[in-house]
Full PDB file with SEQRES, HELIX, SHEET, SSBOND, CRYST1, ORIGX, SCALE, CONECT and MASTER records, all heavy atoms in Angstrom:
SEQRES   1 A   39  GLY ASP ALA LEU ALA VAL VAL THR SER GLY GLY GLN THR          
SEQRES   2 A   39  VAL TYR GLY THR SER HIS GLY ARG ALA THR ALA GLY GLU          
SEQRES   3 A   39  ALA CYS LEU SER VAL ARG ALA VAL HIS PHE SER LEU THR          
HELIX    1 AA1 ALA A   33  HIS A   35  5                                   3    
SHEET    1 AA1 2 ALA A   3  VAL A   7  0                                        
SHEET    2 AA1 2 THR A  13  THR A  17 -1                                        
CRYST1    1.000    1.000    1.000  90.00  90.00  90.00 P 1           1          
ORIGX1      1.000000  0.000000  0.000000        0.00000                         
ORIGX2      0.000000  1.000000  0.000000        0.00000                         
ORIGX3      0.000000  0.000000  1.000000        0.00000                         
SCALE1      1.000000  0.000000  0.000000        0.00000                         
SCALE2      0.000000  1.000000  0.000000        0.00000                         
SCALE3      0.000000  0.000000  1.000000        0.00000                         
ATOM      1  N   GLY A   1       1.708  24.173  10.001  1.00  0.00           N  
ATOM      2  CA  GLY A   1       2.432  25.368   9.697  1.00  0.00           C  
ATOM      3  C   GLY A   1       2.320  25.715   8.202  1.00  0.00           C  
ATOM      4  O   GLY A   1       1.215  25.857   7.684  1.00  0.00           O  
ATOM      5  N   ASP A   2       3.467  25.808   7.516  1.00  0.00           N  
ATOM      6  CA  ASP A   2       3.506  26.167   6.139  1.00  0.00           C  
ATOM      7  C   ASP A   2       3.352  24.901   5.222  1.00  0.00           C  
ATOM      8  O   ASP A   2       3.256  24.985   4.003  1.00  0.00           O  
ATOM      9  CB  ASP A   2       4.770  26.902   5.736  1.00  0.00           C  
ATOM     10  CG  ASP A   2       4.663  27.726   4.479  1.00  0.00           C  
ATOM     11  OD1 ASP A   2       3.587  28.298   4.261  1.00  0.00           O  
ATOM     12  OD2 ASP A   2       5.634  27.758   3.683  1.00  0.00           O  
ATOM     13  N   ALA A   3       3.343  23.749   5.877  1.00  0.00           N  
ATOM     14  CA  ALA A   3       3.234  22.502   5.121  1.00  0.00           C  
ATOM     15  C   ALA A   3       1.761  22.189   4.846  1.00  0.00           C  
ATOM     16  O   ALA A   3       0.912  22.548   5.593  1.00  0.00           O  
ATOM     17  CB  ALA A   3       3.872  21.334   5.898  1.00  0.00           C  
ATOM     18  N   LEU A   4       1.489  21.467   3.727  1.00  0.00           N  
ATOM     19  CA  LEU A   4       0.129  21.088   3.435  1.00  0.00           C  
ATOM     20  C   LEU A   4       0.176  19.741   2.703  1.00  0.00           C  
ATOM     21  O   LEU A   4       1.242  19.272   2.296  1.00  0.00           O  
ATOM     22  CB  LEU A   4      -0.551  22.122   2.530  1.00  0.00           C  
ATOM     23  CG  LEU A   4      -0.185  22.134   1.050  1.00  0.00           C  
ATOM     24  CD1 LEU A   4      -1.324  22.673   0.247  1.00  0.00           C  
ATOM     25  CD2 LEU A   4       1.088  22.936   0.825  1.00  0.00           C  
ATOM     26  N   ALA A   5      -0.948  19.096   2.565  1.00  0.00           N  
ATOM     27  CA  ALA A   5      -1.044  17.840   1.877  1.00  0.00           C  
ATOM     28  C   ALA A   5      -2.252  17.904   0.944  1.00  0.00           C  
ATOM     29  O   ALA A   5      -3.294  18.449   1.219  1.00  0.00           O  
ATOM     30  CB  ALA A   5      -1.233  16.692   2.901  1.00  0.00           C  
ATOM     31  N   VAL A   6      -2.028  17.344  -0.276  1.00  0.00           N  
ATOM     32  CA  VAL A   6      -3.034  17.294  -1.309  1.00  0.00           C  
ATOM     33  C   VAL A   6      -3.229  15.850  -1.751  1.00  0.00           C  
ATOM     34  O   VAL A   6      -2.229  15.159  -2.006  1.00  0.00           O  
ATOM     35  CB  VAL A   6      -2.624  18.184  -2.531  1.00  0.00           C  
ATOM     36  CG1 VAL A   6      -3.541  17.974  -3.702  1.00  0.00           C  
ATOM     37  CG2 VAL A   6      -2.646  19.645  -2.127  1.00  0.00           C  
ATOM     38  N   VAL A   7      -4.458  15.419  -1.876  1.00  0.00           N  
ATOM     39  CA  VAL A   7      -4.709  14.043  -2.357  1.00  0.00           C  
ATOM     40  C   VAL A   7      -5.232  14.165  -3.844  1.00  0.00           C  
ATOM     41  O   VAL A   7      -6.189  14.840  -4.102  1.00  0.00           O  
ATOM     42  CB  VAL A   7      -5.787  13.348  -1.475  1.00  0.00           C  
ATOM     43  CG1 VAL A   7      -6.059  11.948  -2.027  1.00  0.00           C  
ATOM     44  CG2 VAL A   7      -5.294  13.228  -0.054  1.00  0.00           C  
ATOM     45  N   THR A   8      -4.524  13.470  -4.728  1.00  0.00           N  
ATOM     46  CA  THR A   8      -4.858  13.547  -6.151  1.00  0.00           C  
ATOM     47  C   THR A   8      -6.046  12.610  -6.467  1.00  0.00           C  
ATOM     48  O   THR A   8      -6.442  11.803  -5.664  1.00  0.00           O  
ATOM     49  CB  THR A   8      -3.626  13.149  -6.973  1.00  0.00           C  
ATOM     50  OG1 THR A   8      -3.432  11.729  -6.861  1.00  0.00           O  
ATOM     51  CG2 THR A   8      -2.428  13.893  -6.589  1.00  0.00           C  
ATOM     52  N   SER A   9      -6.544  12.772  -7.706  1.00  0.00           N  
ATOM     53  CA  SER A   9      -7.625  11.943  -8.157  1.00  0.00           C  
ATOM     54  C   SER A   9      -7.205  10.452  -8.255  1.00  0.00           C  
ATOM     55  O   SER A   9      -8.007   9.563  -8.187  1.00  0.00           O  
ATOM     56  CB  SER A   9      -8.173  12.385  -9.520  1.00  0.00           C  
ATOM     57  OG  SER A   9      -7.112  12.354 -10.484  1.00  0.00           O  
ATOM     58  N   GLY A  10      -5.869  10.242  -8.345  1.00  0.00           N  
ATOM     59  CA  GLY A  10      -5.366   8.843  -8.411  1.00  0.00           C  
ATOM     60  C   GLY A  10      -5.094   8.282  -7.032  1.00  0.00           C  
ATOM     61  O   GLY A  10      -4.672   7.140  -6.963  1.00  0.00           O  
ATOM     62  N   GLY A  11      -5.320   9.089  -5.986  1.00  0.00           N  
ATOM     63  CA  GLY A  11      -5.220   8.565  -4.626  1.00  0.00           C  
ATOM     64  C   GLY A  11      -3.871   8.824  -4.003  1.00  0.00           C  
ATOM     65  O   GLY A  11      -3.630   8.478  -2.819  1.00  0.00           O  
ATOM     66  N   GLN A  12      -2.928   9.490  -4.663  1.00  0.00           N  
ATOM     67  CA  GLN A  12      -1.625   9.785  -4.069  1.00  0.00           C  
ATOM     68  C   GLN A  12      -1.719  10.983  -3.130  1.00  0.00           C  
ATOM     69  O   GLN A  12      -2.387  11.942  -3.494  1.00  0.00           O  
ATOM     70  CB  GLN A  12      -0.535  10.067  -5.147  1.00  0.00           C  
ATOM     71  CG  GLN A  12      -0.294   8.875  -6.075  1.00  0.00           C  
ATOM     72  CD  GLN A  12      -1.032   9.079  -7.391  1.00  0.00           C  
ATOM     73  OE1 GLN A  12      -2.097   9.681  -7.430  1.00  0.00           O  
ATOM     74  NE2 GLN A  12      -0.514   8.503  -8.456  1.00  0.00           N  
ATOM     75  N   THR A  13      -1.053  10.921  -2.030  1.00  0.00           N  
ATOM     76  CA  THR A  13      -0.932  12.048  -1.122  1.00  0.00           C  
ATOM     77  C   THR A  13       0.374  12.781  -1.392  1.00  0.00           C  
ATOM     78  O   THR A  13       1.449  12.168  -1.295  1.00  0.00           O  
ATOM     79  CB  THR A  13      -1.003  11.628   0.342  1.00  0.00           C  
ATOM     80  OG1 THR A  13      -2.278  10.976   0.563  1.00  0.00           O  
ATOM     81  CG2 THR A  13      -0.878  12.856   1.252  1.00  0.00           C  
ATOM     82  N   VAL A  14       0.276  14.055  -1.717  1.00  0.00           N  
ATOM     83  CA  VAL A  14       1.468  14.827  -1.999  1.00  0.00           C  
ATOM     84  C   VAL A  14       1.626  15.912  -0.990  1.00  0.00           C  
ATOM     85  O   VAL A  14       0.728  16.742  -0.800  1.00  0.00           O  
ATOM     86  CB  VAL A  14       1.374  15.471  -3.409  1.00  0.00           C  
ATOM     87  CG1 VAL A  14       2.699  16.230  -3.778  1.00  0.00           C  
ATOM     88  CG2 VAL A  14       1.079  14.409  -4.488  1.00  0.00           C  
ATOM     89  N   TYR A  15       2.763  15.909  -0.258  1.00  0.00           N  
ATOM     90  CA  TYR A  15       3.025  16.915   0.701  1.00  0.00           C  
ATOM     91  C   TYR A  15       3.817  18.081   0.069  1.00  0.00           C  
ATOM     92  O   TYR A  15       4.689  17.848  -0.807  1.00  0.00           O  
ATOM     93  CB  TYR A  15       3.861  16.361   1.864  1.00  0.00           C  
ATOM     94  CG  TYR A  15       3.097  15.381   2.744  1.00  0.00           C  
ATOM     95  CD1 TYR A  15       2.978  14.011   2.400  1.00  0.00           C  
ATOM     96  CD2 TYR A  15       2.419  15.816   3.834  1.00  0.00           C  
ATOM     97  CE1 TYR A  15       2.267  13.103   3.193  1.00  0.00           C  
ATOM     98  CE2 TYR A  15       1.674  14.939   4.656  1.00  0.00           C  
ATOM     99  CZ  TYR A  15       1.612  13.610   4.284  1.00  0.00           C  
ATOM    100  OH  TYR A  15       0.871  12.733   5.057  1.00  0.00           O  
ATOM    101  N   GLY A  16       3.452  19.308   0.451  1.00  0.00           N  
ATOM    102  CA  GLY A  16       4.111  20.462  -0.187  1.00  0.00           C  
ATOM    103  C   GLY A  16       4.186  21.620   0.783  1.00  0.00           C  
ATOM    104  O   GLY A  16       3.956  21.482   1.984  1.00  0.00           O  
ATOM    105  N   THR A  17       4.488  22.800   0.246  1.00  0.00           N  
ATOM    106  CA  THR A  17       4.560  24.020   1.022  1.00  0.00           C  
ATOM    107  C   THR A  17       3.586  25.049   0.506  1.00  0.00           C  
ATOM    108  O   THR A  17       3.469  25.247  -0.710  1.00  0.00           O  
ATOM    109  CB  THR A  17       5.991  24.583   1.036  1.00  0.00           C  
ATOM    110  OG1 THR A  17       6.021  25.818   1.740  1.00  0.00           O  
ATOM    111  CG2 THR A  17       6.512  24.836  -0.375  1.00  0.00           C  
ATOM    112  N   SER A  18       2.887  25.754   1.405  1.00  0.00           N  
ATOM    113  CA  SER A  18       1.904  26.714   0.997  1.00  0.00           C  
ATOM    114  C   SER A  18       2.524  28.060   0.632  1.00  0.00           C  
ATOM    115  O   SER A  18       1.879  28.919   0.013  1.00  0.00           O  
ATOM    116  CB  SER A  18       0.839  26.936   2.076  1.00  0.00           C  
ATOM    117  OG  SER A  18       1.453  27.499   3.221  1.00  0.00           O  
ATOM    118  N   HIS A  19       3.731  28.337   1.109  1.00  0.00           N  
ATOM    119  CA  HIS A  19       4.442  29.607   0.886  1.00  0.00           C  
ATOM    120  C   HIS A  19       3.544  30.793   1.315  1.00  0.00           C  
ATOM    121  O   HIS A  19       3.536  31.846   0.691  1.00  0.00           O  
ATOM    122  CB  HIS A  19       4.823  29.753  -0.618  1.00  0.00           C  
ATOM    123  CG  HIS A  19       5.818  30.816  -0.899  1.00  0.00           C  
ATOM    124  ND1 HIS A  19       7.068  30.893  -0.209  1.00  0.00           N  
ATOM    125  CD2 HIS A  19       5.825  31.820  -1.733  1.00  0.00           C  
ATOM    126  CE1 HIS A  19       7.715  31.887  -0.671  1.00  0.00           C  
ATOM    127  NE2 HIS A  19       7.017  32.532  -1.588  1.00  0.00           N  
ATOM    128  N   GLY A  20       2.815  30.548   2.419  1.00  0.00           N  
ATOM    129  CA  GLY A  20       1.968  31.572   2.960  1.00  0.00           C  
ATOM    130  C   GLY A  20       0.673  31.828   2.248  1.00  0.00           C  
ATOM    131  O   GLY A  20      -0.062  32.766   2.546  1.00  0.00           O  
ATOM    132  N   ARG A  21       0.351  30.942   1.261  1.00  0.00           N  
ATOM    133  CA  ARG A  21      -0.856  31.153   0.496  1.00  0.00           C  
ATOM    134  C   ARG A  21      -2.023  30.347   1.093  1.00  0.00           C  
ATOM    135  O   ARG A  21      -1.798  29.315   1.733  1.00  0.00           O  
ATOM    136  CB  ARG A  21      -0.607  30.701  -0.971  1.00  0.00           C  
ATOM    137  CG  ARG A  21       0.439  31.575  -1.651  1.00  0.00           C  
ATOM    138  CD  ARG A  21       1.007  30.985  -2.917  1.00  0.00           C  
ATOM    139  NE  ARG A  21       2.071  31.846  -3.446  1.00  0.00           N  
ATOM    140  CZ  ARG A  21       2.959  31.463  -4.346  1.00  0.00           C  
ATOM    141  NH1 ARG A  21       2.894  30.243  -4.850  1.00  0.00           N  
ATOM    142  NH2 ARG A  21       3.907  32.275  -4.728  1.00  0.00           N  
ATOM    143  N   ALA A  22      -3.212  30.855   0.888  1.00  0.00           N  
ATOM    144  CA  ALA A  22      -4.406  30.252   1.489  1.00  0.00           C  
ATOM    145  C   ALA A  22      -4.646  28.847   0.945  1.00  0.00           C  
ATOM    146  O   ALA A  22      -4.460  28.607  -0.265  1.00  0.00           O  
ATOM    147  CB  ALA A  22      -5.608  31.129   1.241  1.00  0.00           C  
ATOM    148  N   THR A  23      -5.041  27.912   1.805  1.00  0.00           N  
ATOM    149  CA  THR A  23      -5.271  26.511   1.403  1.00  0.00           C  
ATOM    150  C   THR A  23      -6.694  26.139   1.829  1.00  0.00           C  
ATOM    151  O   THR A  23      -7.010  26.215   3.004  1.00  0.00           O  
ATOM    152  CB  THR A  23      -4.280  25.582   2.040  1.00  0.00           C  
ATOM    153  OG1 THR A  23      -4.333  25.688   3.472  1.00  0.00           O  
ATOM    154  CG2 THR A  23      -2.857  25.907   1.599  1.00  0.00           C  
ATOM    155  N   ALA A  24      -7.460  25.725   0.860  1.00  0.00           N  
ATOM    156  CA  ALA A  24      -8.796  25.230   1.126  1.00  0.00           C  
ATOM    157  C   ALA A  24      -9.345  24.550  -0.117  1.00  0.00           C  
ATOM    158  O   ALA A  24      -9.094  25.008  -1.244  1.00  0.00           O  
ATOM    159  CB  ALA A  24      -9.709  26.353   1.552  1.00  0.00           C  
ATOM    160  N   GLY A  25     -10.123  23.492   0.077  1.00  0.00           N  
ATOM    161  CA  GLY A  25     -10.783  22.832  -1.060  1.00  0.00           C  
ATOM    162  C   GLY A  25      -9.792  22.276  -2.048  1.00  0.00           C  
ATOM    163  O   GLY A  25      -8.902  21.513  -1.720  1.00  0.00           O  
ATOM    164  N   GLU A  26      -9.976  22.600  -3.331  1.00  0.00           N  
ATOM    165  CA  GLU A  26      -9.102  22.091  -4.418  1.00  0.00           C  
ATOM    166  C   GLU A  26      -7.828  22.980  -4.512  1.00  0.00           C  
ATOM    167  O   GLU A  26      -7.860  24.180  -4.252  1.00  0.00           O  
ATOM    168  CB  GLU A  26      -9.828  22.102  -5.756  1.00  0.00           C  
ATOM    169  CG  GLU A  26     -11.061  21.217  -5.783  1.00  0.00           C  
ATOM    170  CD  GLU A  26     -10.732  19.744  -5.612  1.00  0.00           C  
ATOM    171  OE1 GLU A  26      -9.746  19.292  -6.289  1.00  0.00           O  
ATOM    172  OE2 GLU A  26     -11.355  19.085  -4.803  1.00  0.00           O  
ATOM    173  N   ALA A  27      -6.744  22.336  -4.868  1.00  0.00           N  
ATOM    174  CA  ALA A  27      -5.457  23.053  -4.921  1.00  0.00           C  
ATOM    175  C   ALA A  27      -4.641  22.525  -6.064  1.00  0.00           C  
ATOM    176  O   ALA A  27      -4.874  21.425  -6.600  1.00  0.00           O  
ATOM    177  CB  ALA A  27      -4.737  22.962  -3.612  1.00  0.00           C  
ATOM    178  N   CYS A  28      -3.667  23.311  -6.513  1.00  0.00           N  
ATOM    179  CA  CYS A  28      -2.721  22.901  -7.534  1.00  0.00           C  
ATOM    180  C   CYS A  28      -1.331  23.168  -7.017  1.00  0.00           C  
ATOM    181  O   CYS A  28      -0.987  24.253  -6.540  1.00  0.00           O  
ATOM    182  CB  CYS A  28      -2.959  23.673  -8.830  1.00  0.00           C  
ATOM    183  SG  CYS A  28      -1.865  23.214 -10.185  1.00  0.00           S  
ATOM    184  N   LEU A  29      -0.483  22.142  -7.140  1.00  0.00           N  
ATOM    185  CA  LEU A  29       0.961  22.229  -6.759  1.00  0.00           C  
ATOM    186  C   LEU A  29       1.814  22.256  -7.992  1.00  0.00           C  
ATOM    187  O   LEU A  29       1.544  21.569  -8.980  1.00  0.00           O  
ATOM    188  CB  LEU A  29       1.362  21.072  -5.862  1.00  0.00           C  
ATOM    189  CG  LEU A  29       0.635  20.869  -4.556  1.00  0.00           C  
ATOM    190  CD1 LEU A  29       1.085  19.570  -3.887  1.00  0.00           C  
ATOM    191  CD2 LEU A  29       0.873  22.043  -3.622  1.00  0.00           C  
ATOM    192  N   SER A  30       2.897  23.024  -7.936  1.00  0.00           N  
ATOM    193  CA  SER A  30       3.910  23.082  -8.974  1.00  0.00           C  
ATOM    194  C   SER A  30       5.131  22.326  -8.521  1.00  0.00           C  
ATOM    195  O   SER A  30       5.671  22.626  -7.434  1.00  0.00           O  
ATOM    196  CB  SER A  30       4.214  24.536  -9.356  1.00  0.00           C  
ATOM    197  OG  SER A  30       5.395  24.593 -10.170  1.00  0.00           O  
ATOM    198  N   VAL A  31       5.588  21.428  -9.340  1.00  0.00           N  
ATOM    199  CA  VAL A  31       6.852  20.637  -9.050  1.00  0.00           C  
ATOM    200  C   VAL A  31       7.734  20.732 -10.262  1.00  0.00           C  
ATOM    201  O   VAL A  31       7.363  20.240 -11.341  1.00  0.00           O  
ATOM    202  CB  VAL A  31       6.568  19.190  -8.673  1.00  0.00           C  
ATOM    203  CG1 VAL A  31       7.845  18.517  -8.168  1.00  0.00           C  
ATOM    204  CG2 VAL A  31       5.494  19.095  -7.614  1.00  0.00           C  
ATOM    205  N   ARG A  32       8.886  21.400 -10.123  1.00  0.00           N  
ATOM    206  CA  ARG A  32       9.840  21.439 -11.261  1.00  0.00           C  
ATOM    207  C   ARG A  32      10.304  20.030 -11.576  1.00  0.00           C  
ATOM    208  O   ARG A  32      10.598  19.181 -10.720  1.00  0.00           O  
ATOM    209  CB  ARG A  32      11.057  22.291 -10.859  1.00  0.00           C  
ATOM    210  CG  ARG A  32      10.726  23.734 -10.552  1.00  0.00           C  
ATOM    211  CD  ARG A  32      10.490  24.501 -11.817  1.00  0.00           C  
ATOM    212  NE  ARG A  32      10.058  25.909 -11.548  1.00  0.00           N  
ATOM    213  CZ  ARG A  32       9.272  26.565 -12.338  1.00  0.00           C  
ATOM    214  NH1 ARG A  32       8.726  25.980 -13.388  1.00  0.00           N  
ATOM    215  NH2 ARG A  32       8.950  27.813 -12.039  1.00  0.00           N  
ATOM    216  N   ALA A  33      10.456  19.818 -12.917  1.00  0.00           N  
ATOM    217  CA  ALA A  33      10.946  18.467 -13.357  1.00  0.00           C  
ATOM    218  C   ALA A  33      12.275  18.113 -12.843  1.00  0.00           C  
ATOM    219  O   ALA A  33      12.579  16.939 -12.643  1.00  0.00           O  
ATOM    220  CB  ALA A  33      10.967  18.474 -14.915  1.00  0.00           C  
ATOM    221  N   VAL A  34      13.155  19.144 -12.556  1.00  0.00           N  
ATOM    222  CA  VAL A  34      14.520  18.834 -12.086  1.00  0.00           C  
ATOM    223  C   VAL A  34      14.513  18.456 -10.591  1.00  0.00           C  
ATOM    224  O   VAL A  34      15.520  18.007 -10.073  1.00  0.00           O  
ATOM    225  CB  VAL A  34      15.446  20.040 -12.258  1.00  0.00           C  
ATOM    226  CG1 VAL A  34      15.636  20.303 -13.749  1.00  0.00           C  
ATOM    227  CG2 VAL A  34      14.925  21.311 -11.561  1.00  0.00           C  
ATOM    228  N   HIS A  35      13.399  18.704  -9.914  1.00  0.00           N  
ATOM    229  CA  HIS A  35      13.353  18.391  -8.445  1.00  0.00           C  
ATOM    230  C   HIS A  35      12.964  16.960  -8.108  1.00  0.00           C  
ATOM    231  O   HIS A  35      13.111  16.528  -7.021  1.00  0.00           O  
ATOM    232  CB  HIS A  35      12.457  19.388  -7.736  1.00  0.00           C  
ATOM    233  CG  HIS A  35      13.017  20.761  -7.658  1.00  0.00           C  
ATOM    234  ND1 HIS A  35      12.251  21.920  -7.652  1.00  0.00           N  
ATOM    235  CD2 HIS A  35      14.350  21.185  -7.599  1.00  0.00           C  
ATOM    236  CE1 HIS A  35      13.045  22.977  -7.569  1.00  0.00           C  
ATOM    237  NE2 HIS A  35      14.303  22.532  -7.564  1.00  0.00           N  
ATOM    238  N   PHE A  36      12.355  16.228  -9.101  1.00  0.00           N  
ATOM    239  CA  PHE A  36      12.009  14.855  -8.860  1.00  0.00           C  
ATOM    240  C   PHE A  36      13.285  14.014  -8.915  1.00  0.00           C  
ATOM    241  O   PHE A  36      14.276  14.293  -9.616  1.00  0.00           O  
ATOM    242  CB  PHE A  36      11.068  14.363  -9.983  1.00  0.00           C  
ATOM    243  CG  PHE A  36       9.639  14.677  -9.704  1.00  0.00           C  
ATOM    244  CD1 PHE A  36       8.911  15.485 -10.635  1.00  0.00           C  
ATOM    245  CD2 PHE A  36       8.977  14.144  -8.621  1.00  0.00           C  
ATOM    246  CE1 PHE A  36       7.592  15.750 -10.430  1.00  0.00           C  
ATOM    247  CE2 PHE A  36       7.635  14.436  -8.402  1.00  0.00           C  
ATOM    248  CZ  PHE A  36       6.941  15.230  -9.295  1.00  0.00           C  
ATOM    249  N   SER A  37      13.283  12.910  -8.187  1.00  0.00           N  
ATOM    250  CA  SER A  37      14.359  11.939  -8.211  1.00  0.00           C  
ATOM    251  C   SER A  37      13.791  10.580  -8.624  1.00  0.00           C  
ATOM    252  O   SER A  37      12.679  10.199  -8.234  1.00  0.00           O  
ATOM    253  CB  SER A  37      15.031  11.775  -6.821  1.00  0.00           C  
ATOM    254  OG  SER A  37      15.694  12.938  -6.479  1.00  0.00           O  
ATOM    255  N   LEU A  38      14.536   9.913  -9.470  1.00  0.00           N  
ATOM    256  CA  LEU A  38      14.180   8.535  -9.915  1.00  0.00           C  
ATOM    257  C   LEU A  38      15.252   7.568  -9.405  1.00  0.00           C  
ATOM    258  O   LEU A  38      16.459   7.807  -9.607  1.00  0.00           O  
ATOM    259  CB  LEU A  38      14.126   8.452 -11.438  1.00  0.00           C  
ATOM    260  CG  LEU A  38      12.867   8.992 -12.155  1.00  0.00           C  
ATOM    261  CD1 LEU A  38      13.010   8.723 -13.604  1.00  0.00           C  
ATOM    262  CD2 LEU A  38      11.619   8.372 -11.596  1.00  0.00           C  
ATOM    263  N   THR A  39      14.827   6.467  -8.795  1.00  0.00           N  
ATOM    264  CA  THR A  39      15.750   5.453  -8.306  1.00  0.00           C  
ATOM    265  C   THR A  39      15.195   4.043  -8.547  1.00  0.00           C  
ATOM    266  O   THR A  39      13.987   3.915  -8.659  1.00  0.00           O  
ATOM    267  CB  THR A  39      16.045   5.641  -6.791  1.00  0.00           C  
ATOM    268  OG1 THR A  39      14.787   5.591  -6.077  1.00  0.00           O  
ATOM    269  CG2 THR A  39      16.782   6.938  -6.517  1.00  0.00           C  
TER     270      THR A  39                                                      
MASTER        0    0    0    1    2    0    0    6  269    1    0    3          
END                                                                             
């Protein structure tokens, strides 16, 4: 659906939302600093 997954050069898989935008090949995700959690 609107969900997508991106694998970074460091090997992490990051799941995100496409917001209806086209997804193919290389991609860039934006993550606000306030949305991360540290525990």
